[in-house]
PDB file of N, CA and C in Angstrom:
ATOM      1  N   MET A   1     -10.767   1.868 -14.489  1.00  0.00           N
ATOM      2  CA  MET A   1      -9.575   1.752 -14.683  1.00  0.00           C
ATOM      3  C   MET A   1      -8.873   0.380 -14.517  1.00  0.00           C
ATOM      4  N   LYS A   2      -8.536  -0.522 -15.399  1.00  0.00           N
ATOM      5  CA  LYS A   2      -8.037  -1.974 -15.116  1.00  0.00           C
ATOM      6  C   LYS A   2      -6.459  -1.721 -15.008  1.00  0.00           C
ATOM      7  N   ASN A   3      -5.958  -1.342 -15.371  1.00  0.00           N
ATOM      8  CA  ASN A   3      -4.566  -0.998 -15.925  1.00  0.00           C
ATOM      9  C   ASN A   3      -3.850   0.161 -15.644  1.00  0.00           C
ATOM     10  N   PRO A   4      -3.141   0.627 -14.627  1.00  0.00           N
ATOM     11  CA  PRO A   4      -2.683   1.944 -14.518  1.00  0.00           C
ATOM     12  C   PRO A   4      -1.884   2.067 -15.768  1.00  0.00           C
ATOM     13  N   LEU A   5      -1.393   1.589 -16.951  1.00  0.00           N
ATOM     14  CA  LEU A   5      -0.438   1.782 -17.902  1.00  0.00           C
ATOM     15  C   LEU A   5      -1.870   2.351 -19.103  1.00  0.00           C
ATOM     16  N   ASP A   6      -2.731   2.176 -18.838  1.00  0.00           N
ATOM     17  CA  ASP A   6      -3.631   2.138 -20.029  1.00  0.00           C
ATOM     18  C   ASP A   6      -3.568   3.627 -20.815  1.00  0.00           C
ATOM     19  N   ILE A   7      -3.387   3.840 -22.049  1.00  0.00           N
ATOM     20  CA  ILE A   7      -2.835   4.943 -22.789  1.00  0.00           C
ATOM     21  C   ILE A   7      -3.991   6.285 -22.270  1.00  0.00           C
ATOM     22  N   ARG A   8      -5.481   5.881 -22.033  1.00  0.00           N
ATOM     23  CA  ARG A   8      -6.093   6.654 -21.813  1.00  0.00           C
ATOM     24  C   ARG A   8      -6.232   7.329 -20.302  1.00  0.00           C
ATOM     25  N   HIS A   9      -5.536   6.284 -19.586  1.00  0.00           N
ATOM     26  CA  HIS A   9      -5.511   6.696 -18.149  1.00  0.00           C
ATOM     27  C   HIS A   9      -4.484   7.861 -18.260  1.00  0.00           C
ATOM     28  N   LEU A  10      -3.441   7.272 -18.539  1.00  0.00           N
ATOM     29  CA  LEU A  10      -2.117   8.182 -18.559  1.00  0.00           C
ATOM     30  C   LEU A  10      -2.092   9.724 -19.262  1.00  0.00           C
ATOM     31  N   ARG A  11      -3.181   9.359 -20.371  1.00  0.00           N
ATOM     32  CA  ARG A  11      -3.591  10.954 -20.884  1.00  0.00           C
ATOM     33  C   ARG A  11      -4.450  11.829 -20.117  1.00  0.00           C
ATOM     34  N   ARG A  12      -5.058  10.690 -19.196  1.00  0.00           N
ATOM     35  CA  ARG A  12      -6.042  11.722 -18.720  1.00  0.00           C
ATOM     36  C   ARG A  12      -5.126  12.206 -17.316  1.00  0.00           C
ATOM     37  N   GLN A  13      -4.366  11.443 -16.873  1.00  0.00           N
ATOM     38  CA  GLN A  13      -3.622  11.956 -15.873  1.00  0.00           C
ATOM     39  C   GLN A  13      -2.843  13.342 -16.242  1.00  0.00           C
ATOM     40  N   LYS A  14      -2.208  13.543 -17.503  1.00  0.00           N
ATOM     41  CA  LYS A  14      -1.337  14.435 -17.791  1.00  0.00           C
ATOM     42  C   LYS A  14      -2.261  15.539 -18.109  1.00  0.00           C
ATOM     43  N   VAL A  15      -3.637  15.353 -18.394  1.00  0.00           N
ATOM     44  CA  VAL A  15      -4.358  16.685 -18.511  1.00  0.00           C
ATOM     45  C   VAL A  15      -4.866  17.143 -17.295  1.00  0.00           C
ATOM     46  N   VAL A  16      -5.233  16.307 -16.301  1.00  0.00           N
ATOM     47  CA  VAL A  16      -5.253  16.720 -14.879  1.00  0.00           C
ATOM     48  C   VAL A  16      -3.908  17.533 -14.338  1.00  0.00           C
ATOM     49  N   GLU A  17      -2.844  16.913 -14.551  1.00  0.00           N
ATOM     50  CA  GLU A  17      -1.753  17.899 -14.107  1.00  0.00           C
ATOM     51  C   GLU A  17      -1.386  19.230 -14.671  1.00  0.00           C
ATOM     52  N   ASP A  18      -1.964  19.213 -16.140  1.00  0.00           N
ATOM     53  CA  ASP A  18      -1.752  20.811 -16.824  1.00  0.00           C
ATOM     54  C   ASP A  18      -2.896  21.338 -16.120  1.00  0.00           C
ATOM     55  N   LEU A  19      -4.243  21.004 -16.056  1.00  0.00           N
ATOM     56  CA  LEU A  19      -5.063  21.748 -15.171  1.00  0.00           C
ATOM     57  C   LEU A  19      -4.588  22.259 -13.957  1.00  0.00           C
ATOM     58  N   PHE A  20      -4.179  21.422 -13.276  1.00  0.00           N
ATOM     59  CA  PHE A  20      -3.650  21.865 -11.823  1.00  0.00           C
ATOM     60  C   PHE A  20      -2.764  22.819 -11.909  1.00  0.00           C
ATOM     61  N   LYS A  21      -1.981  22.693 -12.948  1.00  0.00           N
ATOM     62  CA  LYS A  21      -0.342  23.564 -12.992  1.00  0.00           C
ATOM     63  C   LYS A  21      -1.044  25.123 -13.165  1.00  0.00           C
ATOM     64  N   THR A  22      -1.951  25.162 -14.298  1.00  0.00           N
ATOM     65  CA  THR A  22      -2.144  26.206 -14.901  1.00  0.00           C
ATOM     66  C   THR A  22      -3.060  27.256 -13.713  1.00  0.00           C
ATOM     67  N   GLN A  23      -3.453  26.724 -12.381  1.00  0.00           N
ATOM     68  CA  GLN A  23      -3.786  27.419 -11.610  1.00  0.00           C
ATOM     69  C   GLN A  23      -3.045  28.169 -10.549  1.00  0.00           C
ATOM     70  N   PHE A  24      -1.574  27.870 -10.938  1.00  0.00           N
ATOM     71  CA  PHE A  24      -0.712  28.601 -10.435  1.00  0.00           C
ATOM     72  C   PHE A  24       0.416  29.295 -11.106  1.00  0.00           C
ATOM     73  N   HIS A  25       0.542  28.715 -12.394  1.00  0.00           N
ATOM     74  CA  HIS A  25       1.336  29.581 -13.331  1.00  0.00           C
ATOM     75  C   HIS A  25       0.970  29.729 -14.691  1.00  0.00           C
ATOM     76  N   LYS A  26       1.209  30.500 -15.361  1.00  0.00           N
ATOM     77  CA  LYS A  26       0.926  30.655 -16.817  1.00  0.00           C
ATOM     78  C   LYS A  26       1.812  29.785 -17.847  1.00  0.00           C
ATOM     79  N   GLN A  27       1.515  28.588 -18.417  1.00  0.00           N
ATOM     80  CA  GLN A  27       2.170  27.780 -19.116  1.00  0.00           C
ATOM     81  C   GLN A  27       1.542  26.941 -20.216  1.00  0.00           C
ATOM     82  N   ARG A  28       2.403  26.275 -20.991  1.00  0.00           N
ATOM     83  CA  ARG A  28       2.015  25.572 -22.377  1.00  0.00           C
ATOM     84  C   ARG A  28       1.419  24.626 -21.915  1.00  0.00           C
ATOM     85  N   VAL A  29       0.266  24.080 -22.217  1.00  0.00           N
ATOM     86  CA  VAL A  29      -0.574  22.778 -22.071  1.00  0.00           C
ATOM     87  C   VAL A  29      -1.052  22.054 -23.327  1.00  0.00           C
ATOM     88  N   GLY A  30      -1.157  20.726 -22.970  1.00  0.00           N
ATOM     89  CA  GLY A  30      -1.586  20.069 -24.307  1.00  0.00           C
ATOM     90  C   GLY A  30      -2.991  20.646 -24.865  1.00  0.00           C
ATOM     91  N   ASP A  31      -3.361  19.766 -25.874  1.00  0.00           N
ATOM     92  CA  ASP A  31      -4.535  20.283 -26.695  1.00  0.00           C
ATOM     93  C   ASP A  31      -5.990  20.030 -25.901  1.00  0.00           C
ATOM     94  N   THR A  32      -6.235  18.867 -25.033  1.00  0.00           N
ATOM     95  CA  THR A  32      -7.221  18.699 -24.182  1.00  0.00           C
ATOM     96  C   THR A  32      -7.104  19.699 -23.217  1.00  0.00           C
ATOM     97  N   ALA A  33      -6.270  19.806 -22.197  1.00  0.00           N
ATOM     98  CA  ALA A  33      -6.272  21.019 -21.519  1.00  0.00           C
ATOM     99  C   ALA A  33      -6.701  22.105 -21.884  1.00  0.00           C
ATOM    100  N   SER A  34      -6.091  22.463 -23.183  1.00  0.00           N
ATOM    101  CA  SER A  34      -6.421  23.946 -23.564  1.00  0.00           C
ATOM    102  C   SER A  34      -7.799  24.143 -24.137  1.00  0.00           C
ATOM    103  N   GLU A  35      -8.299  23.067 -24.718  1.00  0.00           N
ATOM    104  CA  GLU A  35      -9.657  23.086 -24.814  1.00  0.00           C
ATOM    105  C   GLU A  35     -10.690  23.101 -23.526  1.00  0.00           C
ATOM    106  N   ILE A  36     -10.006  22.818 -22.660  1.00  0.00           N
ATOM    107  CA  ILE A  36     -10.792  22.572 -21.246  1.00  0.00           C
ATOM    108  C   ILE A  36     -11.050  24.094 -20.821  1.00  0.00           C
ATOM    109  N   LEU A  37      -9.757  24.700 -21.043  1.00  0.00           N
ATOM    110  CA  LEU A  37      -9.333  26.112 -20.518  1.00  0.00           C
ATOM    111  C   LEU A  37     -10.245  27.289 -21.037  1.00  0.00           C
ATOM    112  N   LYS A  38     -10.565  26.973 -22.510  1.00  0.00           N
ATOM    113  CA  LYS A  38     -11.242  27.660 -23.545  1.00  0.00           C
ATOM    114  C   LYS A  38     -12.764  27.725 -23.048  1.00  0.00           C
ATOM    115  N   ASN A  39     -13.091  26.492 -22.367  1.00  0.00           N
ATOM    116  CA  ASN A  39     -14.409  26.141 -22.379  1.00  0.00           C
ATOM    117  C   ASN A  39     -14.916  26.414 -20.540  1.00  0.00           C
ATOM    118  N   LYS A  40     -13.789  26.989 -19.839  1.00  0.00           N
ATOM    119  CA  LYS A  40     -13.661  26.981 -18.542  1.00  0.00           C
ATOM    120  C   LYS A  40     -15.120  27.611 -17.982  1.00  0.00           C
ATOM    121  N   ASP A  41     -15.667  28.534 -18.348  1.00  0.00           N
ATOM    122  CA  ASP A  41     -16.736  29.136 -18.147  1.00  0.00           C
ATOM    123  C   ASP A  41     -17.802  28.244 -18.132  1.00  0.00           C
ATOM    124  N   LYS A  42     -18.172  27.635 -19.060  1.00  0.00           N
ATOM    125  CA  LYS A  42     -19.115  26.610 -19.125  1.00  0.00           C
ATOM    126  C   LYS A  42     -19.319  25.481 -18.322  1.00  0.00           C
ATOM    127  N   ILE A  43     -17.835  25.180 -18.304  1.00  0.00           N
ATOM    128  CA  ILE A  43     -17.589  23.651 -17.491  1.00  0.00           C
ATOM    129  C   ILE A  43     -17.960  24.173 -16.013  1.00  0.00           C
ATOM    130  N   ASP A  44     -17.459  25.180 -15.808  1.00  0.00           N
ATOM    131  CA  ASP A  44     -17.666  25.783 -14.242  1.00  0.00           C
ATOM    132  C   ASP A  44     -19.035  25.807 -13.842  1.00  0.00           C
ATOM    133  N   ASP A  45     -20.058  26.376 -14.957  1.00  0.00           N
ATOM    134  CA  ASP A  45     -21.294  26.408 -14.664  1.00  0.00           C
ATOM    135  C   ASP A  45     -21.790  25.035 -14.328  1.00  0.00           C
ATOM    136  N   PHE A  46     -21.342  24.274 -15.064  1.00  0.00           N
ATOM    137  CA  PHE A  46     -22.050  22.499 -14.712  1.00  0.00           C
ATOM    138  C   PHE A  46     -21.697  22.177 -13.375  1.00  0.00           C
ATOM    139  N   ILE A  47     -20.308  22.633 -13.234  1.00  0.00           N
ATOM    140  CA  ILE A  47     -20.008  22.284 -11.767  1.00  0.00           C
ATOM    141  C   ILE A  47     -20.483  22.704 -10.863  1.00  0.00           C
ATOM    142  N   LYS A  48     -20.842  24.056 -10.847  1.00  0.00           N
ATOM    143  CA  LYS A  48     -21.695  24.878  -9.957  1.00  0.00           C
ATOM    144  C   LYS A  48     -23.300  23.959  -9.920  1.00  0.00           C
ATOM    145  N   ILE A  49     -23.627  23.580 -10.874  1.00  0.00           N
ATOM    146  CA  ILE A  49     -24.903  23.090 -11.161  1.00  0.00           C
ATOM    147  C   ILE A  49     -24.995  21.610 -10.330  1.00  0.00           C
ATOM    148  N   SER A  50     -23.646  20.838 -10.355  1.00  0.00           N
ATOM    149  CA  SER A  50     -23.799  19.448  -9.969  1.00  0.00           C
ATOM    150  C   SER A  50     -23.272  19.385  -8.547  1.00  0.00           C
ATOM    151  N   ALA A  51     -22.754  20.277  -8.059  1.00  0.00           N
ATOM    152  CA  ALA A  51     -22.342  20.700  -6.639  1.00  0.00           C
ATOM    153  C   ALA A  51     -22.524  22.050  -6.013  1.00  0.00           C
ATOM    154  N   PRO A  52     -23.806  22.348  -6.078  1.00  0.00           N
ATOM    155  CA  PRO A  52     -24.013  23.864  -5.403  1.00  0.00           C
ATOM    156  C   PRO A  52     -23.591  24.143  -4.147  1.00  0.00           C
ATOM    157  N   GLN A  53     -23.578  23.186  -3.447  1.00  0.00           N
ATOM    158  CA  GLN A  53     -23.388  23.454  -1.971  1.00  0.00           C
ATOM    159  C   GLN A  53     -21.821  24.016  -1.824  1.00  0.00           C
ATOM    160  N   PHE A  54     -20.901  23.746  -2.765  1.00  0.00           N
ATOM    161  CA  PHE A  54     -19.473  24.009  -2.944  1.00  0.00           C
ATOM    162  C   PHE A  54     -19.296  25.069  -3.871  1.00  0.00           C
ATOM    163  N   PRO A  55     -18.857  26.179  -3.687  1.00  0.00           N
ATOM    164  CA  PRO A  55     -18.217  27.445  -4.418  1.00  0.00           C
ATOM    165  C   PRO A  55     -17.123  26.902  -5.012  1.00  0.00           C
ATOM    166  N   ILE A  56     -16.951  27.264  -6.375  1.00  0.00           N
ATOM    167  CA  ILE A  56     -15.812  26.921  -7.323  1.00  0.00           C
ATOM    168  C   ILE A  56     -14.424  27.258  -6.357  1.00  0.00           C
ATOM    169  N   GLU A  57     -14.570  28.366  -6.006  1.00  0.00           N
ATOM    170  CA  GLU A  57     -13.371  28.850  -5.373  1.00  0.00           C
ATOM    171  C   GLU A  57     -13.044  27.898  -3.937  1.00  0.00           C
ATOM    172  N   LYS A  58     -13.708  27.417  -3.276  1.00  0.00           N
ATOM    173  CA  LYS A  58     -13.952  26.471  -2.271  1.00  0.00           C
ATOM    174  C   LYS A  58     -13.470  25.138  -2.606  1.00  0.00           C
ATOM    175  N   ILE A  59     -13.378  24.715  -3.801  1.00  0.00           N
ATOM    176  CA  ILE A  59     -13.078  23.224  -3.918  1.00  0.00           C
ATOM    177  C   ILE A  59     -11.842  22.935  -4.004  1.00  0.00           C
ATOM    178  N   ASN A  60     -11.184  21.968  -3.402  1.00  0.00           N
ATOM    179  CA  ASN A  60      -9.758  21.465  -3.541  1.00  0.00           C
ATOM    180  C   ASN A  60      -9.233  21.672  -5.109  1.00  0.00           C
ATOM    181  N   ARG A  61      -8.192  22.255  -5.723  1.00  0.00           N
ATOM    182  CA  ARG A  61      -7.607  22.516  -6.738  1.00  0.00           C
ATOM    183  C   ARG A  61      -7.569  21.235  -7.473  1.00  0.00           C
ATOM    184  N   VAL A  62      -7.055  20.452  -6.799  1.00  0.00           N
ATOM    185  CA  VAL A  62      -7.182  18.923  -7.515  1.00  0.00           C
ATOM    186  C   VAL A  62      -8.336  18.317  -7.962  1.00  0.00           C
ATOM    187  N   ASP A  63      -9.379  18.429  -7.061  1.00  0.00           N
ATOM    188  CA  ASP A  63     -10.771  17.996  -7.404  1.00  0.00           C
ATOM    189  C   ASP A  63     -11.074  18.722  -8.586  1.00  0.00           C
ATOM    190  N   LEU A  64     -10.952  19.976  -8.467  1.00  0.00           N
ATOM    191  CA  LEU A  64     -11.279  20.763  -9.339  1.00  0.00           C
ATOM    192  C   LEU A  64     -10.836  20.698 -10.969  1.00  0.00           C
ATOM    193  N   ALA A  65      -9.456  20.327 -10.906  1.00  0.00           N
ATOM    194  CA  ALA A  65      -9.122  19.778 -12.220  1.00  0.00           C
ATOM    195  C   ALA A  65      -9.612  18.530 -12.728  1.00  0.00           C
ATOM    196  N   ILE A  66     -10.064  17.757 -11.651  1.00  0.00           N
ATOM    197  CA  ILE A  66     -10.467  16.275 -11.939  1.00  0.00           C
ATOM    198  C   ILE A  66     -11.810  16.801 -12.736  1.00  0.00           C
ATOM    199  N   LEU A  67     -12.791  17.265 -11.714  1.00  0.00           N
ATOM    200  CA  LEU A  67     -13.922  17.894 -12.182  1.00  0.00           C
ATOM    201  C   LEU A  67     -14.028  18.360 -13.609  1.00  0.00           C
ATOM    202  N   ARG A  68     -13.143  19.235 -13.848  1.00  0.00           N
ATOM    203  CA  ARG A  68     -13.153  20.226 -14.951  1.00  0.00           C
ATOM    204  C   ARG A  68     -12.863  19.061 -16.222  1.00  0.00           C
ATOM    205  N   LEU A  69     -12.067  18.256 -16.049  1.00  0.00           N
ATOM    206  CA  LEU A  69     -11.834  17.062 -17.206  1.00  0.00           C
ATOM    207  C   LEU A  69     -13.060  16.279 -17.332  1.00  0.00           C
ATOM    208  N   ALA A  70     -13.637  15.770 -16.296  1.00  0.00           N
ATOM    209  CA  ALA A  70     -14.611  14.714 -16.293  1.00  0.00           C
ATOM    210  C   ALA A  70     -16.032  15.529 -17.174  1.00  0.00           C
ATOM    211  N   VAL A  71     -15.847  16.690 -16.381  1.00  0.00           N
ATOM    212  CA  VAL A  71     -17.342  17.537 -16.732  1.00  0.00           C
ATOM    213  C   VAL A  71     -17.153  17.880 -18.451  1.00  0.00           C
ATOM    214  N   PHE A  72     -15.618  18.182 -18.856  1.00  0.00           N
ATOM    215  CA  PHE A  72     -15.449  18.390 -20.486  1.00  0.00           C
ATOM    216  C   PHE A  72     -15.758  17.198 -21.219  1.00  0.00           C
ATOM    217  N   GLU A  73     -15.267  15.991 -20.627  1.00  0.00           N
ATOM    218  CA  GLU A  73     -15.743  14.804 -21.479  1.00  0.00           C
ATOM    219  C   GLU A  73     -16.773  14.257 -21.481  1.00  0.00           C
ATOM    220  N   LEU A  74     -17.694  14.703 -20.692  1.00  0.00           N
ATOM    221  CA  LEU A  74     -19.167  14.502 -20.360  1.00  0.00           C
ATOM    222  C   LEU A  74     -20.131  15.341 -21.287  1.00  0.00           C
ATOM    223  N   THR A  75     -19.876  16.425 -21.329  1.00  0.00           N
ATOM    224  CA  THR A  75     -20.654  17.532 -21.704  1.00  0.00           C
ATOM    225  C   THR A  75     -20.456  18.023 -23.186  1.00  0.00           C
ATOM    226  N   ILE A  76     -19.004  18.032 -23.501  1.00  0.00           N
ATOM    227  CA  ILE A  76     -18.497  18.820 -24.813  1.00  0.00           C
ATOM    228  C   ILE A  76     -17.759  17.578 -25.447  1.00  0.00           C
ATOM    229  N   GLU A  77     -16.831  16.846 -25.129  1.00  0.00           N
ATOM    230  CA  GLU A  77     -16.344  15.811 -26.063  1.00  0.00           C
ATOM    231  C   GLU A  77     -17.079  14.518 -26.116  1.00  0.00           C
ATOM    232  N   LYS A  78     -17.534  14.126 -25.284  1.00  0.00           N
ATOM    233  CA  LYS A  78     -18.718  12.906 -25.372  1.00  0.00           C
ATOM    234  C   LYS A  78     -18.037  11.581 -26.468  1.00  0.00           C
ATOM    235  N   LYS A  79     -16.898  11.345 -26.248  1.00  0.00           N
ATOM    236  CA  LYS A  79     -16.281  10.384 -26.883  1.00  0.00           C
ATOM    237  C   LYS A  79     -16.371   8.950 -26.010  1.00  0.00           C
ATOM    238  N   GLN A  80     -16.363   9.241 -24.792  1.00  0.00           N
ATOM    239  CA  GLN A  80     -16.470   7.940 -24.085  1.00  0.00           C
ATOM    240  C   GLN A  80     -17.992   7.824 -23.144  1.00  0.00           C
ATOM    241  N   PRO A  81     -18.318   6.529 -22.915  1.00  0.00           N
ATOM    242  CA  PRO A  81     -19.794   6.355 -22.299  1.00  0.00           C
ATOM    243  C   PRO A  81     -19.398   7.122 -20.804  1.00  0.00           C
ATOM    244  N   PRO A  82     -20.423   7.543 -20.410  1.00  0.00           N
ATOM    245  CA  PRO A  82     -20.335   8.356 -19.144  1.00  0.00           C
ATOM    246  C   PRO A  82     -19.934   7.780 -18.020  1.00  0.00           C
ATOM    247  N   ARG A  83     -20.428   6.252 -17.648  1.00  0.00           N
ATOM    248  CA  ARG A  83     -19.603   5.325 -16.653  1.00  0.00           C
ATOM    249  C   ARG A  83     -18.370   5.172 -16.812  1.00  0.00           C
ATOM    250  N   VAL A  84     -17.796   5.479 -18.067  1.00  0.00           N
ATOM    251  CA  VAL A  84     -16.052   5.084 -18.197  1.00  0.00           C
ATOM    252  C   VAL A  84     -15.660   6.281 -17.652  1.00  0.00           C
ATOM    253  N   ILE A  85     -16.244   7.688 -18.328  1.00  0.00           N
ATOM    254  CA  ILE A  85     -15.777   9.032 -17.639  1.00  0.00           C
ATOM    255  C   ILE A  85     -15.496   8.963 -16.041  1.00  0.00           C
ATOM    256  N   ILE A  86     -16.880   8.588 -15.638  1.00  0.00           N
ATOM    257  CA  ILE A  86     -16.913   8.739 -14.233  1.00  0.00           C
ATOM    258  C   ILE A  86     -16.121   7.674 -13.238  1.00  0.00           C
ATOM    259  N   ASP A  87     -16.028   6.573 -13.821  1.00  0.00           N
ATOM    260  CA  ASP A  87     -15.092   5.473 -13.174  1.00  0.00           C
ATOM    261  C   ASP A  87     -13.529   6.165 -13.050  1.00  0.00           C
ATOM    262  N   GLU A  88     -12.881   6.489 -14.544  1.00  0.00           N
ATOM    263  CA  GLU A  88     -11.592   7.318 -14.587  1.00  0.00           C
ATOM    264  C   GLU A  88     -11.409   8.470 -13.442  1.00  0.00           C
ATOM    265  N   ALA A  89     -12.796   9.442 -13.381  1.00  0.00           N
ATOM    266  CA  ALA A  89     -12.428  10.415 -12.523  1.00  0.00           C
ATOM    267  C   ALA A  89     -12.322  10.072 -11.190  1.00  0.00           C
ATOM    268  N   ILE A  90     -12.917   8.933 -10.635  1.00  0.00           N
ATOM    269  CA  ILE A  90     -12.885   8.459  -9.201  1.00  0.00           C
ATOM    270  C   ILE A  90     -11.655   7.954  -9.158  1.00  0.00           C
ATOM    271  N   GLU A  91     -10.904   7.306 -10.034  1.00  0.00           N
ATOM    272  CA  GLU A  91      -9.706   6.649 -10.036  1.00  0.00           C
ATOM    273  C   GLU A  91      -8.415   7.840 -10.051  1.00  0.00           C
ATOM    274  N   LEU A  92      -8.557   9.033 -10.543  1.00  0.00           N
ATOM    275  CA  LEU A  92      -7.842   9.689 -10.731  1.00  0.00           C
ATOM    276  C   LEU A  92      -7.937  10.637  -9.433  1.00  0.00           C
ATOM    277  N   ALA A  93      -9.366  10.669  -8.795  1.00  0.00           N
ATOM    278  CA  ALA A  93      -9.164  11.165  -7.331  1.00  0.00           C
ATOM    279  C   ALA A  93      -8.694  10.312  -6.370  1.00  0.00           C
ATOM    280  N   LYS A  94      -8.505   9.300  -6.661  1.00  0.00           N
ATOM    281  CA  LYS A  94      -8.034   8.033  -5.306  1.00  0.00           C
ATOM    282  C   LYS A  94      -6.555   8.388  -5.499  1.00  0.00           C
ATOM    283  N   GLU A  95      -5.980   8.763  -6.842  1.00  0.00           N
ATOM    284  CA  GLU A  95      -4.161   8.708  -7.156  1.00  0.00           C
ATOM    285  C   GLU A  95      -4.093  10.319  -6.690  1.00  0.00           C
ATOM    286  N   TYR A  96      -4.415  10.944  -6.856  1.00  0.00           N
ATOM    287  CA  TYR A  96      -4.189  12.653  -6.651  1.00  0.00           C
ATOM    288  C   TYR A  96      -4.987  13.593  -5.574  1.00  0.00           C
ATOM    289  N   GLY A  97      -6.245  13.119  -5.317  1.00  0.00           N
ATOM    290  CA  GLY A  97      -6.929  13.699  -4.260  1.00  0.00           C
ATOM    291  C   GLY A  97      -6.594  13.390  -2.937  1.00  0.00           C
ATOM    292  N   GLY A  98      -7.706  13.917  -2.021  1.00  0.00           N
ATOM    293  CA  GLY A  98      -7.411  13.549  -0.580  1.00  0.00           C
ATOM    294  C   GLY A  98      -8.433  12.410  -0.394  1.00  0.00           C
ATOM    295  N   GLU A  99      -8.725  12.063   0.946  1.00  0.00           N
ATOM    296  CA  GLU A  99      -9.549  10.859   1.567  1.00  0.00           C
ATOM    297  C   GLU A  99     -10.855  10.913   0.674  1.00  0.00           C
ATOM    298  N   ALA A 100     -11.424  12.245   0.691  1.00  0.00           N
ATOM    299  CA  ALA A 100     -12.540  12.487   0.401  1.00  0.00           C
ATOM    300  C   ALA A 100     -12.923  12.659  -0.955  1.00  0.00           C
ATOM    301  N   SER A 101     -11.929  12.856  -1.500  1.00  0.00           N
ATOM    302  CA  SER A 101     -12.094  13.267  -3.109  1.00  0.00           C
ATOM    303  C   SER A 101     -13.104  12.099  -4.003  1.00  0.00           C
ATOM    304  N   PRO A 102     -12.825  10.923  -3.741  1.00  0.00           N
ATOM    305  CA  PRO A 102     -13.449  10.071  -4.719  1.00  0.00           C
ATOM    306  C   PRO A 102     -14.654  10.421  -4.517  1.00  0.00           C
ATOM    307  N   LYS A 103     -15.276  10.308  -3.121  1.00  0.00           N
ATOM    308  CA  LYS A 103     -16.658  10.456  -2.824  1.00  0.00           C
ATOM    309  C   LYS A 103     -17.190  11.811  -3.267  1.00  0.00           C
ATOM    310  N   PHE A 104     -16.551  12.820  -3.244  1.00  0.00           N
ATOM    311  CA  PHE A 104     -16.897  14.221  -3.654  1.00  0.00           C
ATOM    312  C   PHE A 104     -17.179  14.244  -5.154  1.00  0.00           C
ATOM    313  N   ILE A 105     -16.107  13.662  -5.716  1.00  0.00           N
ATOM    314  CA  ILE A 105     -16.273  13.604  -7.454  1.00  0.00           C
ATOM    315  C   ILE A 105     -17.295  12.625  -8.012  1.00  0.00           C
ATOM    316  N   ASN A 106     -17.475  11.548  -7.179  1.00  0.00           N
ATOM    317  CA  ASN A 106     -18.415  10.457  -7.443  1.00  0.00           C
ATOM    318  C   ASN A 106     -19.780  11.123  -7.413  1.00  0.00           C
ATOM    319  N   GLY A 107     -20.131  12.201  -6.433  1.00  0.00           N
ATOM    320  CA  GLY A 107     -21.254  12.845  -6.242  1.00  0.00           C
ATOM    321  C   GLY A 107     -21.604  13.860  -7.190  1.00  0.00           C
ATOM    322  N   ALA A 108     -20.816  14.647  -7.487  1.00  0.00           N
ATOM    323  CA  ALA A 108     -20.969  15.813  -8.238  1.00  0.00           C
ATOM    324  C   ALA A 108     -21.301  15.320  -9.490  1.00  0.00           C
ATOM    325  N   LEU A 109     -20.675  14.400 -10.160  1.00  0.00           N
ATOM    326  CA  LEU A 109     -20.787  13.593 -11.305  1.00  0.00           C
ATOM    327  C   LEU A 109     -22.144  13.112 -11.671  1.00  0.00           C
ATOM    328  N   ALA A 110     -22.468  12.224 -10.259  1.00  0.00           N
ATOM    329  CA  ALA A 110     -23.732  11.633 -10.243  1.00  0.00           C
ATOM    330  C   ALA A 110     -24.948  12.505 -10.456  1.00  0.00           C
ATOM    331  N   ASN A 111     -24.844  14.000  -9.523  1.00  0.00           N
ATOM    332  CA  ASN A 111     -25.783  14.726  -9.795  1.00  0.00           C
ATOM    333  C   ASN A 111     -25.825  15.285 -11.217  1.00  0.00           C
ATOM    334  N   LEU A 112     -24.425  15.759 -11.868  1.00  0.00           N
ATOM    335  CA  LEU A 112     -24.498  15.903 -13.168  1.00  0.00           C
ATOM    336  C   LEU A 112     -25.306  15.086 -14.222  1.00  0.00           C
ATOM    337  N   ILE A 113     -25.198  14.241 -13.948  1.00  0.00           N
ATOM    338  CA  ILE A 113     -25.544  12.918 -14.633  1.00  0.00           C
ATOM    339  C   ILE A 113     -27.301  12.593 -14.808  1.00  0.00           C
ATOM    340  N   LYS A 114     -27.742  12.757 -13.346  1.00  0.00           N
ATOM    341  CA  LYS A 114     -29.070  12.804 -12.928  1.00  0.00           C
ATOM    342  C   LYS A 114     -29.821  13.873 -13.468  1.00  0.00           C
ATOM    343  N   ASN A 115     -29.194  15.071 -13.433  1.00  0.00           N
ATOM    344  CA  ASN A 115     -29.900  16.410 -14.085  1.00  0.00           C
ATOM    345  C   ASN A 115     -29.345  16.736 -15.323  1.00  0.00           C
ATOM    346  N   ASP A 116     -29.158  15.349 -16.214  1.00  0.00           N
ATOM    347  CA  ASP A 116     -28.544  15.645 -17.542  1.00  0.00           C
ATOM    348  C   ASP A 116     -29.838  16.826 -18.487  1.00  0.00           C
ATOM    349  N   LYS A 117     -30.907  16.189 -18.274  1.00  0.00           N
ATOM    350  CA  LYS A 117     -32.017  17.110 -18.940  1.00  0.00           C
ATOM    351  C   LYS A 117     -31.991  18.786 -18.810  1.00  0.00           C
ATOM    352  N   ALA A 118     -31.386  19.032 -17.702  1.00  0.00           N
ATOM    353  CA  ALA A 118     -31.559  20.177 -17.021  1.00  0.00           C
ATOM    354  C   ALA A 118     -30.077  21.102 -17.564  1.00  0.00           C
ATOM    355  N   THR A 119     -29.314  20.019 -17.943  1.00  0.00           N
ATOM    356  CA  THR A 119     -27.704  20.568 -18.283  1.00  0.00           C
ATOM    357  C   THR A 119     -27.728  20.266 -19.801  1.00  0.00           C
ATOM    358  N   SER A 120     -28.580  19.658 -20.306  1.00  0.00           N
ATOM    359  CA  SER A 120     -28.281  19.055 -21.863  1.00  0.00           C
ATOM    360  C   SER A 120     -27.090  18.597 -22.064  1.00  0.00           C
ATOM    361  N   ILE A 121     -26.829  17.568 -21.365  1.00  0.00           N
ATOM    362  CA  ILE A 121     -26.006  16.839 -21.627  1.00  0.00           C
ATOM    363  C   ILE A 121     -26.358  15.577 -22.845  1.00  0.00           C
TER     364      ILE A 121
END
């Protein structure tokens, strides 16, 4: 992310916020968040593969929302290059997550990319 006002970054922020909110309340969400929620089981399976030492229910909810968006973009949507998606996920983790979030997100997504043959990315 070079510019915090980049339209793609702002769109991703909104999706992460939508995904985070749905963990607490049922509510209306945007199209991308809706697609992610429809594919949540498949996306969560990818997360389990990429971060096997962290059960889904133990992952920080903000980090989980960021991971779900990134995994969706990497495995289902496939509109951006993987490097762009990972960089954006790390930037979102810096903005919304805790101190260890960027490193965790980077490691999980790197594992996913590294195991791309096993996960059919």
